[in-house]
Amino acid sequence: MNKTRLLLFSFLSCIYITSTIQAAEKTEMTIYQVMQRVLDRYPSLKISEIEVAQAAEQRQQIESSLGWILNSSAGVTHDLTGLGTPSDRLNVNSSIARQLKSGATLNLSGGYQYEDSSLTFTPALPNPAHTTRLDLSYRMPLSKGEGNPLYKEGVISAEAGHNLAMANQLLTRIALAEKVKDLFYASSLTRARLDNANQAVQRARKLESYINKNFKLGLSEDKDKLQARAQTDSKIADLSAIQLQWKQQQSSLVRLMLEDVGHEILPLLISRKYSSNFDLVDLITSTETYHPAIKISQAKLEIAESQINTTLDNKKDSLDLVLSVGSRTSDGNNSSGGTVSEQDWAGAISLEYKHLFDDKGVSSKYKQAQLEKNIALQNIRKAKDDIRYTVSGLVAEINAAKIAVKTASKKLKSESLKLKEAEYRFRSGRADTAQLIQFQNEYSFAQLAYQNQKVDMNNRVIALQIFTGQFWDRLANQNMQHGVNK
């Protein structure tokens, strides 16, 4: 009676597990479909897109340094003149200036002054007096600032900063793709184990049913029943453990994709046509052009070189040539009742020189920029070495995985023939239960090994695609095909 209850409990447990799998909404998806779903929904990618847009605005800030700048002022004062007499004065001044790409500065300025003094010392001078001025000046740097390195290097640095943000965005995508890959193929392996365990349970049940019938006919012994019962219980226990692992992985995968709870993703392996022969030299070269590790270091190198050039310019003495031309007017009524009106032009040429005695701060910035440049160069060399070894290693692993798949396939065929022959001998009474169970287990191991090798080869192919950038091209092609099919 106890044995009957145990058998019934085990059978119902298996049915419950199977029905639980079937109850969930299932969707078969490839690694590309899963990744696209993640790209469409994952929040960290949205953050990296914002950071790229933020970096693009830096160029606009640099460009604005060449814009026109307007300054103006106006004021009224009552004060004593230099001779101690009270005077009322109105001043209005305005200027518009901009820096040119060449580094020169263009400035147009004008002013108006009204002055009314309480005491006139010279009858010929107008009181109140109206004075205007208009000047156009041009400042041309001859040493520091020549060629406007601050603007030119600022543009280069802004572009490099934008490239750096895009490379970091690509790095985020790669890290996410690797996470999806690991979880996807872990689920693929678990699914293979789940299918294998289900088949093992079915074989064990079939064997147990056959032995129970023979036992009733007196053709089997208790030890045969016990061995068959133990085999069934063992396979059901294995199935339960694998099912738990499957549920855990599905939960992580669904959460990564932001799918509804309870949805199940059934991983589909990619076609083996993707694991074709590789041109190792071209693959390494294209990866060096694509990989964000190199792009990040190259962007940092450009920023460091820009800082070096800017600092070198700051170490120079300032020597500016200033040219100006303008006009002056003065008019009003004098104390004798006459009218005074004077007008003339004004011009000037001058040299302005400035020397910085304490340049320790500038020298320190120069040394820091040099160190940043050296670090970037070393990182580029390191990244290229890593790319060469990683690509070569993955290609070698894929080639070895192809052989492993073929070997596992041959092994599975051999185990299948061996199991069929053992079943035939068992039914004719020329093989015992223990031997048949052993052959069933060996066939199950061979079957699982074959599936594992296929999953492993797919995993390595996708790893190579992600590392070399081919994954995104495949993803785009998959989306185009999906759109055409729709």
Protein backbone atom coordinates (compact mmCIF):
# COMPACT_ATOMS: atom_id res chain seq x y z
CA MET A 1 0.00 0.00 0.00
CA ASN A 2 2.80 2.41 0.91
CA LYS A 3 4.55 1.62 -2.36
CA THR A 4 1.35 2.35 -4.27
CA ARG A 5 0.94 5.72 -2.52
CA LEU A 6 4.57 6.61 -3.21
CA LEU A 7 4.15 5.76 -6.85
CA LEU A 8 0.96 7.84 -7.06
CA PHE A 9 2.64 10.79 -5.30
CA SER A 10 5.60 10.69 -7.66
CA PHE A 11 3.36 10.48 -10.68
CA LEU A 12 1.24 13.44 -9.54
CA SER A 13 4.40 15.44 -8.78
CA CYS A 14 5.62 14.90 -12.31
CA ILE A 15 2.23 15.89 -13.72
CA TYR A 16 2.23 19.03 -11.58
CA ILE A 17 5.68 20.03 -12.75
CA THR A 18 4.79 19.45 -16.37
CA SER A 19 1.48 21.30 -16.08
CA THR A 20 3.24 24.23 -14.42
CA ILE A 21 5.57 24.53 -17.41
CA GLN A 22 2.65 24.38 -19.84
CA ALA A 23 0.49 26.83 -17.87
CA ALA A 24 2.91 29.71 -18.28
CA GLU A 25 2.79 31.80 -21.44
CA LYS A 26 5.71 30.64 -23.57
CA THR A 27 7.51 32.46 -26.37
CA GLU A 28 10.34 31.04 -28.42
CA MET A 29 12.98 33.72 -28.99
CA THR A 30 16.51 33.94 -30.37
CA ILE A 31 19.31 35.82 -28.66
CA TYR A 32 18.77 38.70 -31.12
CA GLN A 33 15.07 38.99 -30.31
CA VAL A 34 15.74 38.97 -26.59
CA MET A 35 18.47 41.59 -26.96
CA GLN A 36 16.27 43.87 -29.04
CA ARG A 37 13.55 43.66 -26.41
CA VAL A 38 16.10 44.63 -23.75
CA LEU A 39 17.47 47.51 -25.85
CA ASP A 40 13.97 48.90 -26.28
CA ARG A 41 13.20 48.87 -22.58
CA TYR A 42 16.31 48.84 -20.38
CA PRO A 43 16.65 52.14 -18.43
CA SER A 44 20.46 52.34 -18.27
CA LEU A 45 20.58 52.72 -22.06
CA LYS A 46 18.28 55.72 -21.86
CA ILE A 47 20.70 57.29 -19.38
CA SER A 48 23.65 56.79 -21.74
CA GLU A 49 21.65 58.39 -24.58
CA ILE A 50 21.09 61.46 -22.41
CA GLU A 51 24.81 61.60 -21.60
CA VAL A 52 25.64 61.56 -25.32
CA ALA A 53 23.20 64.41 -25.97
CA GLN A 54 24.71 66.29 -23.04
CA ALA A 55 28.22 65.89 -24.45
CA ALA A 56 27.07 67.17 -27.85
CA GLU A 57 26.11 70.49 -26.26
CA GLN A 58 29.74 71.18 -25.34
CA ARG A 59 30.50 72.08 -28.97
CA GLN A 60 27.79 74.75 -28.89
CA GLN A 61 29.38 76.27 -25.79
CA ILE A 62 32.73 76.52 -27.57
CA GLU A 63 31.15 78.01 -30.69
CA SER A 64 29.42 80.66 -28.58
CA SER A 65 32.82 82.07 -27.57
CA LEU A 66 33.02 83.63 -31.07
CA GLY A 67 29.68 85.38 -30.75
CA TRP A 68 29.14 89.10 -30.45
CA ILE A 69 29.11 90.58 -26.94
CA LEU A 70 27.25 93.80 -26.18
CA ASN A 71 28.19 96.04 -23.25
CA SER A 72 26.44 99.25 -22.34
CA SER A 73 26.17 101.62 -19.42
CA ALA A 74 24.46 104.89 -18.53
CA GLY A 75 24.64 107.14 -15.50
CA VAL A 76 24.09 110.59 -14.04
CA THR A 77 26.47 112.18 -11.52
CA HIS A 78 26.76 115.41 -9.55
CA ASP A 79 30.29 115.98 -8.32
CA LEU A 80 33.09 118.49 -8.02
CA THR A 81 35.42 118.98 -10.93
CA GLY A 82 39.17 118.94 -10.58
CA LEU A 83 39.05 122.71 -9.93
CA GLY A 84 36.51 122.31 -7.14
CA THR A 85 33.42 123.57 -8.96
CA PRO A 86 30.09 121.67 -8.92
CA SER A 87 29.19 119.88 -12.13
CA ASP A 88 26.29 117.74 -13.43
CA ARG A 89 27.21 114.98 -15.90
CA LEU A 90 25.36 112.42 -17.99
CA ASN A 91 27.33 109.52 -19.50
CA VAL A 92 26.08 106.91 -21.99
CA ASN A 93 28.52 104.29 -23.31
CA SER A 94 28.08 101.19 -25.43
CA SER A 95 30.31 98.66 -27.21
CA ILE A 96 29.96 95.49 -29.26
CA ALA A 97 32.86 93.08 -29.64
CA ARG A 98 33.69 89.58 -30.79
CA GLN A 99 36.69 87.32 -31.01
CA LEU A 100 37.58 85.97 -34.45
CA LYS A 101 38.74 82.45 -35.26
CA SER A 102 42.17 83.89 -35.93
CA GLY A 103 42.42 84.98 -32.31
CA ALA A 104 42.07 88.68 -33.05
CA THR A 105 39.42 90.78 -31.32
CA LEU A 106 37.21 93.32 -33.09
CA ASN A 107 35.56 96.03 -30.98
CA LEU A 108 33.22 98.87 -31.92
CA SER A 109 32.48 101.36 -29.14
CA GLY A 110 30.74 104.69 -28.80
CA GLY A 111 29.81 107.19 -26.11
CA TYR A 112 27.90 110.36 -25.36
CA GLN A 113 28.60 112.83 -22.52
CA TYR A 114 26.62 115.84 -21.38
CA GLU A 115 28.27 118.15 -18.82
CA ASP A 116 26.91 121.31 -17.17
CA SER A 117 29.32 123.12 -14.84
CA SER A 118 28.19 125.83 -12.41
CA LEU A 119 31.27 127.92 -13.23
CA THR A 120 32.88 128.55 -16.63
CA PHE A 121 36.63 129.27 -16.51
CA THR A 122 37.15 129.90 -20.20
CA PRO A 123 34.50 131.75 -22.21
CA ALA A 124 35.51 129.90 -25.38
CA LEU A 125 34.53 126.51 -23.98
CA PRO A 126 30.91 125.39 -24.34
CA ASN A 127 28.85 125.03 -21.18
CA PRO A 128 26.78 122.93 -21.09
CA ALA A 129 28.80 120.70 -23.48
CA HIS A 130 27.78 117.71 -25.63
CA THR A 131 30.61 115.27 -26.45
CA THR A 132 30.42 112.12 -28.59
CA ARG A 133 32.99 109.55 -29.57
CA LEU A 134 33.06 106.50 -31.88
CA ASP A 135 35.96 104.00 -32.05
CA LEU A 136 36.79 100.86 -34.01
CA SER A 137 39.67 98.82 -32.58
CA TYR A 138 41.42 95.65 -33.67
CA ARG A 139 43.57 93.62 -31.29
CA MET A 140 45.86 91.05 -32.89
CA PRO A 141 47.85 88.64 -30.69
CA LEU A 142 51.43 88.16 -31.87
CA SER A 143 52.44 85.51 -29.33
CA LYS A 144 50.03 84.11 -26.75
CA GLY A 145 46.62 83.51 -28.31
CA GLU A 146 47.88 83.65 -31.89
CA GLY A 147 45.65 81.47 -34.09
CA ASN A 148 43.10 81.24 -31.23
CA PRO A 149 44.29 77.89 -29.79
CA LEU A 150 41.75 78.13 -26.99
CA TYR A 151 38.92 77.95 -29.54
CA LYS A 152 40.52 75.40 -31.87
CA GLU A 153 41.59 73.07 -29.10
CA GLY A 154 38.25 73.58 -27.38
CA VAL A 155 36.46 72.34 -30.50
CA ILE A 156 38.78 69.32 -30.69
CA SER A 157 38.25 68.60 -27.00
CA ALA A 158 34.46 68.94 -27.35
CA GLU A 159 34.39 66.52 -30.29
CA ALA A 160 36.58 64.09 -28.34
CA GLY A 161 34.24 64.41 -25.35
CA HIS A 162 31.30 63.57 -27.59
CA ASN A 163 33.16 60.56 -28.99
CA LEU A 164 33.99 59.51 -25.45
CA ALA A 165 30.32 59.64 -24.46
CA MET A 166 29.34 57.57 -27.51
CA ALA A 167 32.06 55.03 -26.74
CA ASN A 168 30.82 54.74 -23.16
CA GLN A 169 27.30 54.26 -24.52
CA LEU A 170 28.57 51.43 -26.73
CA LEU A 171 30.41 49.98 -23.74
CA THR A 172 27.12 49.97 -21.82
CA ARG A 173 25.42 48.17 -24.71
CA ILE A 174 28.22 45.58 -24.85
CA ALA A 175 28.09 44.96 -21.09
CA LEU A 176 24.32 44.55 -21.33
CA ALA A 177 24.64 42.23 -24.35
CA GLU A 178 27.10 40.04 -22.46
CA LYS A 179 24.73 39.89 -19.51
CA VAL A 180 21.86 38.90 -21.81
CA LYS A 181 24.08 36.32 -23.52
CA ASP A 182 25.15 34.67 -20.28
CA LEU A 183 21.60 34.47 -18.99
CA PHE A 184 20.18 33.37 -22.34
CA TYR A 185 22.60 30.48 -22.79
CA ALA A 186 22.37 29.48 -19.16
CA SER A 187 18.63 29.16 -19.80
CA SER A 188 19.34 27.28 -23.04
CA LEU A 189 21.47 24.80 -21.14
CA THR A 190 18.82 24.43 -18.44
CA ARG A 191 16.16 23.87 -21.06
CA ALA A 192 18.29 21.13 -22.62
CA ARG A 193 18.70 19.57 -19.18
CA LEU A 194 14.95 19.88 -18.59
CA ASP A 195 14.10 18.11 -21.84
CA ASN A 196 16.70 15.48 -21.12
CA ALA A 197 15.33 14.93 -17.60
CA ASN A 198 11.77 14.63 -18.90
CA GLN A 199 12.84 11.99 -21.39
CA ALA A 200 14.76 10.17 -18.66
CA VAL A 201 11.64 10.15 -16.47
CA GLN A 202 9.58 8.75 -19.34
CA ARG A 203 12.12 5.98 -19.98
CA ALA A 204 12.24 5.16 -16.27
CA ARG A 205 8.45 5.00 -16.04
CA LYS A 206 8.25 2.83 -19.10
CA LEU A 207 10.83 0.45 -17.66
CA GLU A 208 9.09 0.36 -14.26
CA SER A 209 5.72 -0.38 -15.88
CA TYR A 210 7.27 -3.21 -17.91
CA ILE A 211 8.93 -4.76 -14.84
CA ASN A 212 5.72 -4.51 -12.77
CA LYS A 213 3.86 -6.44 -15.44
CA ASN A 214 6.57 -9.10 -15.53
CA PHE A 215 6.58 -9.27 -11.74
CA LYS A 216 2.89 -10.14 -11.74
CA LEU A 217 3.66 -12.88 -14.27
CA GLY A 218 6.55 -14.13 -12.12
CA LEU A 219 9.16 -13.07 -14.70
CA SER A 220 10.81 -10.36 -12.54
CA GLU A 221 12.14 -10.28 -9.00
CA ASP A 222 11.86 -7.79 -6.14
CA LYS A 223 15.34 -6.45 -6.84
CA ASP A 224 14.23 -5.52 -10.37
CA LYS A 225 11.22 -3.64 -9.03
CA LEU A 226 13.39 -1.82 -6.48
CA GLN A 227 15.99 -0.86 -9.08
CA ALA A 228 13.30 0.45 -11.43
CA ARG A 229 11.57 2.33 -8.60
CA ALA A 230 14.87 3.91 -7.51
CA GLN A 231 15.62 4.94 -11.09
CA THR A 232 12.22 6.65 -11.43
CA ASP A 233 12.54 8.45 -8.09
CA SER A 234 16.05 9.60 -8.97
CA LYS A 235 15.00 11.03 -12.34
CA ILE A 236 11.96 12.78 -10.84
CA ALA A 237 14.20 14.34 -8.18
CA ASP A 238 16.60 15.53 -10.90
CA LEU A 239 13.68 16.98 -12.85
CA SER A 240 12.41 18.88 -9.80
CA ALA A 241 15.84 20.43 -9.14
CA ILE A 242 16.24 21.48 -12.77
CA GLN A 243 12.74 22.94 -12.82
CA LEU A 244 13.60 25.12 -9.82
CA GLN A 245 16.73 26.37 -11.58
CA TRP A 246 14.68 27.03 -14.73
CA LYS A 247 12.21 29.14 -12.76
CA GLN A 248 15.01 31.20 -11.21
CA GLN A 249 16.64 31.86 -14.58
CA GLN A 250 13.32 32.71 -16.19
CA SER A 251 12.61 35.20 -13.45
CA SER A 252 15.95 36.93 -14.09
CA LEU A 253 15.48 36.90 -17.87
CA VAL A 254 11.93 38.25 -17.72
CA ARG A 255 13.02 40.97 -15.32
CA LEU A 256 15.86 41.97 -17.62
CA MET A 257 13.42 42.20 -20.53
CA LEU A 258 10.77 43.93 -18.38
CA GLU A 259 8.21 41.32 -19.43
CA ASP A 260 5.11 40.36 -17.47
CA VAL A 261 5.61 38.07 -14.50
CA GLY A 262 4.86 34.48 -15.44
CA HIS A 263 5.96 34.87 -19.04
CA GLU A 264 8.45 32.20 -20.14
CA ILE A 265 11.12 32.64 -22.77
CA LEU A 266 12.13 29.49 -24.61
CA PRO A 267 15.65 30.09 -25.98
CA LEU A 268 16.25 29.17 -29.63
CA LEU A 269 19.79 28.53 -30.81
CA ILE A 270 21.03 30.46 -33.84
CA SER A 271 21.64 28.78 -37.17
CA ARG A 272 25.03 27.13 -37.52
CA LYS A 273 25.67 29.06 -40.74
CA TYR A 274 26.87 31.94 -38.54
CA SER A 275 29.82 29.85 -37.32
CA SER A 276 31.63 29.94 -40.66
CA ASN A 277 35.35 30.29 -41.26
CA PHE A 278 37.02 33.53 -40.13
CA ASP A 279 39.71 35.78 -41.61
CA LEU A 280 41.60 36.39 -38.41
CA VAL A 281 43.65 39.39 -39.61
CA ASP A 282 40.63 41.26 -41.00
CA LEU A 283 38.60 40.40 -37.92
CA ILE A 284 41.25 41.83 -35.58
CA THR A 285 41.64 44.97 -37.70
CA SER A 286 37.88 45.65 -37.84
CA THR A 287 37.57 45.03 -34.10
CA GLU A 288 40.30 47.59 -33.38
CA THR A 289 38.28 50.12 -35.37
CA TYR A 290 35.04 49.27 -33.58
CA HIS A 291 35.88 48.43 -30.00
CA PRO A 292 34.95 51.11 -27.42
CA ALA A 293 38.02 50.37 -25.27
CA ILE A 294 40.20 51.83 -28.04
CA LYS A 295 37.74 54.62 -28.82
CA ILE A 296 37.67 55.69 -25.18
CA SER A 297 41.47 55.82 -25.00
CA GLN A 298 41.69 57.64 -28.34
CA ALA A 299 39.22 60.25 -27.13
CA LYS A 300 41.19 60.71 -23.92
CA LEU A 301 44.37 61.01 -26.01
CA GLU A 302 42.81 63.79 -28.11
CA ILE A 303 41.64 65.60 -24.98
CA ALA A 304 45.12 65.33 -23.44
CA GLU A 305 46.81 66.62 -26.62
CA SER A 306 44.33 69.49 -26.72
CA GLN A 307 45.19 70.38 -23.13
CA ILE A 308 48.90 70.20 -23.95
CA ASN A 309 48.53 72.63 -26.85
CA THR A 310 46.43 75.00 -24.77
CA THR A 311 48.90 74.90 -21.90
CA LEU A 312 51.85 75.53 -24.23
CA ASP A 313 50.09 78.65 -25.48
CA ASN A 314 49.43 79.79 -21.91
CA LYS A 315 53.15 79.55 -21.16
CA LYS A 316 53.92 82.19 -23.80
CA ASP A 317 54.27 85.91 -23.06
CA SER A 318 51.42 88.12 -24.23
CA LEU A 319 52.29 90.50 -27.05
CA ASP A 320 49.34 92.20 -28.73
CA LEU A 321 49.22 94.76 -31.51
CA VAL A 322 46.29 97.14 -31.03
CA LEU A 323 45.01 99.36 -33.86
CA SER A 324 42.17 101.86 -33.42
CA VAL A 325 40.49 104.61 -35.41
CA GLY A 326 37.58 106.83 -34.47
CA SER A 327 35.93 110.25 -34.42
CA ARG A 328 35.28 112.89 -31.78
CA THR A 329 32.69 115.70 -31.63
CA SER A 330 32.11 118.46 -29.09
CA ASP A 331 29.46 121.20 -29.31
CA GLY A 332 27.49 123.63 -27.19
CA ASN A 333 27.02 127.33 -26.36
CA ASN A 334 29.79 129.38 -24.69
CA SER A 335 29.31 132.07 -22.07
CA SER A 336 29.46 134.90 -24.67
CA GLY A 337 26.40 133.56 -26.44
CA GLY A 338 28.22 131.95 -29.36
CA THR A 339 28.04 128.41 -30.64
CA VAL A 340 31.01 126.01 -30.42
CA SER A 341 31.22 122.91 -32.64
CA GLU A 342 34.38 120.84 -33.02
CA GLN A 343 34.90 117.57 -34.92
CA ASP A 344 38.04 115.55 -35.60
CA TRP A 345 39.23 111.99 -36.11
CA ALA A 346 41.33 109.93 -33.71
CA GLY A 347 43.70 107.02 -34.28
CA ALA A 348 46.20 104.99 -32.31
CA ILE A 349 48.62 102.09 -32.63
CA SER A 350 50.21 100.37 -29.68
CA LEU A 351 51.97 97.23 -28.47
CA GLU A 352 50.93 95.59 -25.22
CA TYR A 353 53.23 93.11 -23.47
CA LYS A 354 52.60 90.86 -20.46
CA HIS A 355 54.92 88.37 -18.79
CA LEU A 356 54.00 85.78 -16.15
CA PHE A 357 56.87 85.35 -13.70
CA ASP A 358 55.36 82.51 -11.68
CA ASP A 359 54.36 79.80 -14.18
CA LYS A 360 54.39 76.85 -11.79
CA GLY A 361 50.64 76.38 -12.14
CA VAL A 362 50.82 76.34 -15.93
CA SER A 363 53.78 73.95 -15.88
CA SER A 364 51.92 71.61 -13.54
CA LYS A 365 48.92 71.50 -15.90
CA TYR A 366 51.29 70.76 -18.78
CA LYS A 367 52.87 67.84 -16.91
CA GLN A 368 49.46 66.46 -15.96
CA ALA A 369 48.34 66.60 -19.59
CA GLN A 370 51.52 64.83 -20.67
CA LEU A 371 50.88 62.07 -18.15
CA GLU A 372 47.28 61.73 -19.36
CA LYS A 373 48.59 61.39 -22.91
CA ASN A 374 51.05 58.66 -21.91
CA ILE A 375 48.33 56.79 -20.02
CA ALA A 376 46.03 56.95 -23.06
CA LEU A 377 48.79 55.66 -25.35
CA GLN A 378 49.51 52.75 -23.01
CA ASN A 379 45.80 51.93 -22.77
CA ILE A 380 45.53 51.88 -26.57
CA ARG A 381 48.44 49.44 -26.81
CA LYS A 382 46.94 47.29 -24.06
CA ALA A 383 43.50 47.33 -25.70
CA LYS A 384 44.97 46.25 -29.04
CA ASP A 385 46.84 43.39 -27.36
CA ASP A 386 43.65 42.33 -25.55
CA ILE A 387 41.71 42.43 -28.80
CA ARG A 388 44.29 40.34 -30.63
CA TYR A 389 44.41 37.66 -27.96
CA THR A 390 40.65 37.64 -27.29
CA VAL A 391 39.64 37.38 -30.95
CA SER A 392 42.24 34.69 -31.63
CA GLY A 393 41.13 32.78 -28.54
CA LEU A 394 37.43 32.94 -29.40
CA VAL A 395 38.04 31.82 -32.98
CA ALA A 396 40.13 28.89 -31.73
CA GLU A 397 37.41 27.99 -29.21
CA ILE A 398 34.72 28.07 -31.92
CA ASN A 399 36.76 25.80 -34.18
CA ALA A 400 37.30 23.42 -31.28
CA ALA A 401 33.59 23.61 -30.41
CA LYS A 402 32.68 22.53 -33.96
CA ILE A 403 34.75 19.39 -33.52
CA ALA A 404 33.23 18.80 -30.08
CA VAL A 405 29.69 19.01 -31.53
CA LYS A 406 30.52 16.48 -34.24
CA THR A 407 32.16 14.16 -31.72
CA ALA A 408 29.22 14.43 -29.33
CA SER A 409 26.81 13.71 -32.21
CA LYS A 410 28.68 10.53 -33.10
CA LYS A 411 28.77 9.54 -29.44
CA LEU A 412 24.99 10.07 -29.17
CA LYS A 413 24.34 7.86 -32.20
CA SER A 414 26.51 5.12 -30.75
CA GLU A 415 24.78 5.29 -27.37
CA SER A 416 21.38 5.21 -29.10
CA LEU A 417 22.29 2.01 -30.98
CA LYS A 418 23.73 0.51 -27.80
CA LEU A 419 20.56 1.30 -25.85
CA LYS A 420 18.29 -0.20 -28.50
CA GLU A 421 20.39 -3.36 -28.54
CA ALA A 422 20.27 -3.56 -24.73
CA GLU A 423 16.50 -3.11 -24.70
CA TYR A 424 16.18 -5.94 -27.21
CA ARG A 425 18.37 -8.23 -25.08
CA PHE A 426 16.48 -7.17 -21.92
CA ARG A 427 13.11 -8.12 -23.42
CA SER A 428 14.52 -11.46 -24.56
CA GLY A 429 15.90 -12.12 -21.06
CA ARG A 430 19.58 -11.82 -21.99
CA ALA A 431 20.22 -8.57 -20.01
CA ASP A 432 19.33 -7.67 -16.43
CA THR A 433 17.66 -4.52 -15.12
CA ALA A 434 20.83 -2.97 -13.72
CA GLN A 435 22.55 -3.18 -17.10
CA LEU A 436 19.60 -1.62 -18.92
CA ILE A 437 19.44 1.24 -16.40
CA GLN A 438 23.15 1.82 -16.87
CA PHE A 439 22.74 2.02 -20.64
CA GLN A 440 19.76 4.37 -20.26
CA ASN A 441 21.85 6.67 -18.07
CA GLU A 442 24.76 6.57 -20.52
CA TYR A 443 22.44 7.46 -23.39
CA SER A 444 20.95 10.30 -21.33
CA PHE A 445 24.45 11.63 -20.55
CA ALA A 446 25.43 11.46 -24.22
CA GLN A 447 22.24 13.23 -25.25
CA LEU A 448 22.81 16.01 -22.71
CA ALA A 449 26.49 16.30 -23.69
CA TYR A 450 25.49 16.80 -27.33
CA GLN A 451 23.01 19.54 -26.40
CA ASN A 452 25.59 21.15 -24.12
CA GLN A 453 28.14 21.27 -26.92
CA LYS A 454 25.64 22.92 -29.27
CA VAL A 455 24.76 25.51 -26.64
CA ASP A 456 28.45 26.08 -25.89
CA MET A 457 29.28 26.64 -29.57
CA ASN A 458 26.38 29.09 -29.94
CA ASN A 459 27.54 30.88 -26.83
CA ARG A 460 31.07 31.30 -28.19
CA VAL A 461 29.84 32.46 -31.61
CA ILE A 462 27.69 35.16 -30.02
CA ALA A 463 30.56 36.11 -27.68
CA LEU A 464 32.75 36.69 -30.74
CA GLN A 465 30.00 38.67 -32.46
CA ILE A 466 29.55 40.92 -29.44
CA PHE A 467 33.28 41.48 -29.00
CA THR A 468 33.90 42.28 -32.68
CA GLY A 469 30.73 44.33 -33.21
CA GLN A 470 29.17 41.92 -35.69
CA PHE A 471 26.36 41.26 -33.22
CA TRP A 472 24.77 44.66 -33.88
CA ASP A 473 24.84 44.08 -37.66
CA ARG A 474 23.17 40.70 -37.16
CA LEU A 475 20.62 42.34 -34.86
CA ALA A 476 19.83 44.99 -37.50
CA ASN A 477 19.45 42.32 -40.18
CA GLN A 478 17.14 40.32 -37.95
CA ASN A 479 14.99 43.42 -37.38
CA MET A 480 14.82 44.13 -41.12
CA GLN A 481 13.81 40.54 -41.86
CA HIS A 482 11.20 40.69 -39.11
CA GLY A 483 9.81 43.90 -40.58
CA VAL A 484 9.59 42.36 -44.05
CA ASN A 485 7.82 39.31 -42.70
CA LYS A 486 5.32 41.44 -40.91
